[in-house]
Amino acid sequence: MKKGVILLLITLLSASLCFAQERRDNWRRPYADIGFSSTTMSSKDIPDLMSNYGVSFSVGRTLYLHNRPALGIFRQGLDVTWFDINYTNYQIMSMAYSNLESMQYEQIELGVHIGPSITIRPSGKFNIHGYIKYSPTISSLYANDNIYGCYTPFITQGVSVSWGKLGVGVETRSFECHYKELGVKNNPEAIDPTTIKGWRVFATFVF
């Protein structure tokens, strides 16, 4: 009888540990996001530029602030994206000697993001993840055979939905850059403060 009780307790404990491990593993873990972006770049006395296309890639992790889900369905956390890169291409049509010419502007942003998040799991493996992150970023712009650069912090906010390890999401981005020409020591050419607004749609892979 005693052996049977001990065996039953061991079995229940093992099942509980397996269940807890399964629940813990099913919550959001390290992630990689691959996306497409749309951006508008505006500056004083210059017509707004709409992006031709844009792509992005980021890698990070959600660090949860408590072990057990509140009310059994949601957890608060801290999202840390330690690598984020975004490439944007702008195609500009201009008149030169009565001929219509196409010019290409290229923009690259490299940064890290950190901020609070909430993950909700209403049922099964279905997750809803929302966040707002502080995003210090270095931006580079190639235009008219010159390279310009600037540093800017801004805010990124978004939401994603996932089932198991796969999901989709959308986020908004808005910041201002004061681009200066790189590689020029004396009187580098500067561009008027430039406002950049846009959004990204991405696929997310949770490991």
Protein backbone atom coordinates (compact mmCIF):
# COMPACT_ATOMS: atom_id res chain seq x y z
CA MET A 1 0.00 0.00 0.00
CA LYS A 2 2.77 2.41 0.99
CA LYS A 3 4.72 1.58 -2.15
CA GLY A 4 1.62 2.21 -4.25
CA VAL A 5 1.07 5.62 -2.67
CA ILE A 6 4.72 6.56 -3.20
CA LEU A 7 4.54 5.43 -6.83
CA LEU A 8 1.35 7.44 -7.34
CA LEU A 9 2.94 10.56 -5.83
CA ILE A 10 6.02 10.15 -8.03
CA THR A 11 3.81 9.75 -11.10
CA LEU A 12 1.74 12.85 -10.25
CA LEU A 13 4.89 14.88 -9.56
CA SER A 14 6.45 13.81 -12.85
CA ALA A 15 3.27 14.68 -14.74
CA SER A 16 3.12 18.10 -13.04
CA LEU A 17 6.73 18.84 -13.93
CA CYS A 18 6.18 17.80 -17.55
CA PHE A 19 3.05 19.96 -17.76
CA ALA A 20 4.84 22.94 -16.22
CA GLN A 21 7.77 22.50 -18.60
CA GLU A 22 5.40 22.27 -21.56
CA ARG A 23 3.58 25.46 -20.53
CA ARG A 24 6.87 27.26 -19.97
CA ASP A 25 8.23 26.16 -23.34
CA ASN A 26 5.08 27.21 -25.16
CA TRP A 27 5.37 30.82 -24.00
CA ARG A 28 7.20 33.32 -26.18
CA ARG A 29 10.95 32.64 -26.36
CA PRO A 30 13.84 33.98 -28.48
CA TYR A 31 12.50 35.26 -31.79
CA ALA A 32 13.55 36.31 -35.29
CA ASP A 33 11.42 38.65 -37.42
CA ILE A 34 11.62 39.06 -41.21
CA GLY A 35 9.52 41.82 -42.72
CA PHE A 36 8.62 44.29 -45.42
CA SER A 37 8.45 48.01 -44.68
CA SER A 38 6.80 51.10 -46.14
CA THR A 39 8.36 54.48 -45.34
CA THR A 40 7.74 58.16 -46.03
CA MET A 41 10.68 60.58 -45.82
CA SER A 42 9.93 64.30 -45.57
CA SER A 43 12.13 67.36 -45.26
CA LYS A 44 11.73 71.12 -45.44
CA ASP A 45 11.05 72.52 -48.93
CA ILE A 46 11.27 69.02 -50.47
CA PRO A 47 8.28 66.93 -51.58
CA ASP A 48 7.66 63.84 -49.48
CA LEU A 49 9.40 60.70 -50.72
CA MET A 50 7.55 57.38 -50.64
CA SER A 51 9.65 54.24 -50.44
CA ASN A 52 9.89 51.97 -53.44
CA TYR A 53 10.33 48.95 -51.18
CA GLY A 54 11.90 48.02 -47.86
CA VAL A 55 12.97 44.90 -45.97
CA SER A 56 13.90 44.26 -42.34
CA PHE A 57 15.41 41.62 -40.09
CA SER A 58 15.60 41.53 -36.30
CA VAL A 59 16.57 39.09 -33.54
CA GLY A 60 15.67 39.32 -29.85
CA ARG A 61 14.08 37.78 -26.79
CA THR A 62 11.26 38.44 -24.35
CA LEU A 63 12.30 38.33 -20.68
CA TYR A 64 9.26 37.69 -18.49
CA LEU A 65 8.88 39.54 -15.18
CA HIS A 66 6.98 36.75 -13.41
CA ASN A 67 7.05 32.96 -13.71
CA ARG A 68 3.34 32.19 -13.61
CA PRO A 69 0.80 33.69 -16.03
CA ALA A 70 -1.52 36.20 -14.33
CA LEU A 71 -5.07 34.83 -14.30
CA GLY A 72 -3.59 31.91 -16.23
CA ILE A 73 -3.57 33.76 -19.54
CA PHE A 74 -1.09 36.67 -19.67
CA ARG A 75 2.45 37.62 -18.70
CA GLN A 76 4.28 40.92 -18.53
CA GLY A 77 7.77 41.07 -19.93
CA LEU A 78 10.67 43.09 -21.27
CA ASP A 79 11.35 42.82 -25.01
CA VAL A 80 15.02 43.08 -25.93
CA THR A 81 15.91 43.22 -29.64
CA TRP A 82 19.69 43.15 -29.77
CA PHE A 83 19.94 43.35 -33.59
CA ASP A 84 17.62 45.20 -35.96
CA ILE A 85 18.41 46.21 -39.54
CA ASN A 86 16.11 47.92 -42.03
CA TYR A 87 16.85 48.68 -45.70
CA THR A 88 14.72 51.11 -47.70
CA ASN A 89 14.93 51.99 -51.41
CA TYR A 90 13.50 55.22 -52.84
CA GLN A 91 13.07 55.76 -56.56
CA ILE A 92 12.92 59.41 -57.61
CA MET A 93 12.00 60.66 -61.06
CA SER A 94 13.51 64.00 -62.12
CA MET A 95 13.81 66.15 -65.22
CA ALA A 96 17.28 66.77 -66.66
CA TYR A 97 17.69 68.53 -70.02
CA SER A 98 14.08 67.72 -70.91
CA ASN A 99 14.68 64.06 -70.18
CA LEU A 100 13.01 62.11 -67.40
CA GLU A 101 15.65 60.39 -65.27
CA SER A 102 15.38 57.92 -62.42
CA MET A 103 17.49 58.28 -59.28
CA GLN A 104 17.86 55.84 -56.41
CA TYR A 105 18.13 56.82 -52.74
CA GLU A 106 19.12 54.04 -50.35
CA GLN A 107 18.68 54.07 -46.60
CA ILE A 108 19.97 51.62 -43.95
CA GLU A 109 19.09 51.70 -40.25
CA LEU A 110 20.87 49.61 -37.63
CA GLY A 111 19.74 49.61 -34.02
CA VAL A 112 18.69 47.88 -30.81
CA HIS A 113 15.28 48.01 -29.12
CA ILE A 114 14.13 47.57 -25.52
CA GLY A 115 10.76 48.05 -23.86
CA PRO A 116 7.79 46.55 -21.97
CA SER A 117 5.49 43.95 -23.50
CA ILE A 118 2.42 41.86 -22.70
CA THR A 119 1.77 38.36 -23.98
CA ILE A 120 -1.76 36.96 -23.83
CA ARG A 121 -2.63 33.33 -24.45
CA PRO A 122 -6.42 32.93 -24.57
CA SER A 123 -6.20 29.25 -25.46
CA GLY A 124 -3.84 26.48 -26.61
CA LYS A 125 -0.80 27.71 -28.52
CA PHE A 126 -2.44 30.94 -29.72
CA ASN A 127 -0.54 34.04 -28.54
CA ILE A 128 -1.14 37.78 -28.80
CA HIS A 129 1.98 39.86 -28.14
CA GLY A 130 2.01 43.66 -27.82
CA TYR A 131 4.98 45.94 -27.12
CA ILE A 132 6.37 49.47 -27.10
CA LYS A 133 10.15 49.84 -27.34
CA TYR A 134 12.83 52.53 -27.09
CA SER A 135 14.98 52.21 -30.22
CA PRO A 136 18.39 53.94 -30.43
CA THR A 137 19.41 53.68 -34.09
CA ILE A 138 22.15 54.67 -36.52
CA SER A 139 20.82 55.66 -39.93
CA SER A 140 22.72 56.00 -43.20
CA LEU A 141 21.43 57.57 -46.44
CA TYR A 142 23.04 57.27 -49.88
CA ALA A 143 21.85 60.08 -52.12
CA ASN A 144 23.35 61.96 -55.10
CA ASP A 145 26.61 59.98 -54.83
CA ASN A 146 27.07 61.13 -51.23
CA ILE A 147 26.71 59.18 -47.99
CA TYR A 148 24.99 60.81 -45.01
CA GLY A 149 24.64 59.54 -41.47
CA CYS A 150 22.95 60.33 -38.17
CA TYR A 151 22.11 58.85 -34.78
CA THR A 152 18.54 58.97 -33.51
CA PRO A 153 16.49 57.39 -30.71
CA PHE A 154 12.81 56.78 -31.37
CA ILE A 155 9.82 54.70 -30.30
CA THR A 156 8.65 51.47 -31.96
CA GLN A 157 5.28 49.95 -31.13
CA GLY A 158 3.52 46.92 -32.50
CA VAL A 159 1.54 43.73 -32.06
CA SER A 160 1.88 40.17 -33.32
CA VAL A 161 -0.22 37.02 -33.25
CA SER A 162 1.27 33.54 -33.40
CA TRP A 163 0.34 29.89 -33.26
CA GLY A 164 3.12 27.82 -31.76
CA LYS A 165 6.41 28.87 -33.39
CA LEU A 166 5.02 30.87 -36.32
CA GLY A 167 3.24 34.21 -36.42
CA VAL A 168 2.71 37.56 -38.15
CA GLY A 169 2.83 41.11 -36.86
CA VAL A 170 2.80 44.81 -37.67
CA GLU A 171 4.61 47.76 -36.09
CA THR A 172 4.89 51.52 -36.58
CA ARG A 173 8.06 53.62 -36.59
CA SER A 174 8.60 57.38 -36.55
CA PHE A 175 11.77 59.41 -36.00
CA GLU A 176 13.72 62.49 -37.06
CA CYS A 177 17.26 62.54 -38.43
CA HIS A 178 19.65 65.42 -39.07
CA TYR A 179 21.80 63.83 -41.77
CA LYS A 180 25.38 65.02 -42.26
CA GLU A 181 27.76 63.97 -44.99
CA LEU A 182 30.22 61.30 -43.87
CA GLY A 183 33.96 61.32 -44.60
CA VAL A 184 34.18 65.11 -44.82
CA LYS A 185 36.14 66.88 -42.07
CA ASN A 186 35.61 70.53 -43.02
CA ASN A 187 32.12 71.88 -43.63
CA PRO A 188 30.33 68.60 -44.30
CA GLU A 189 27.15 68.98 -46.32
CA ALA A 190 24.03 68.63 -44.19
CA ILE A 191 20.42 67.87 -45.01
CA ASP A 192 17.61 69.72 -43.29
CA PRO A 193 16.08 67.75 -40.39
CA THR A 194 14.33 64.78 -41.99
CA THR A 195 11.22 63.12 -40.59
CA ILE A 196 10.83 59.43 -41.31
CA LYS A 197 7.52 57.64 -40.71
CA GLY A 198 6.46 54.17 -41.66
CA TRP A 199 5.28 50.72 -40.74
CA ARG A 200 6.54 47.16 -41.06
CA VAL A 201 4.68 43.90 -41.61
CA PHE A 202 6.68 40.87 -40.54
CA ALA A 203 6.70 37.13 -40.07
CA THR A 204 7.94 36.05 -36.65
CA PHE A 205 9.62 32.78 -35.78
CA VAL A 206 9.70 31.79 -32.09
CA PHE A 207 12.40 29.30 -31.10
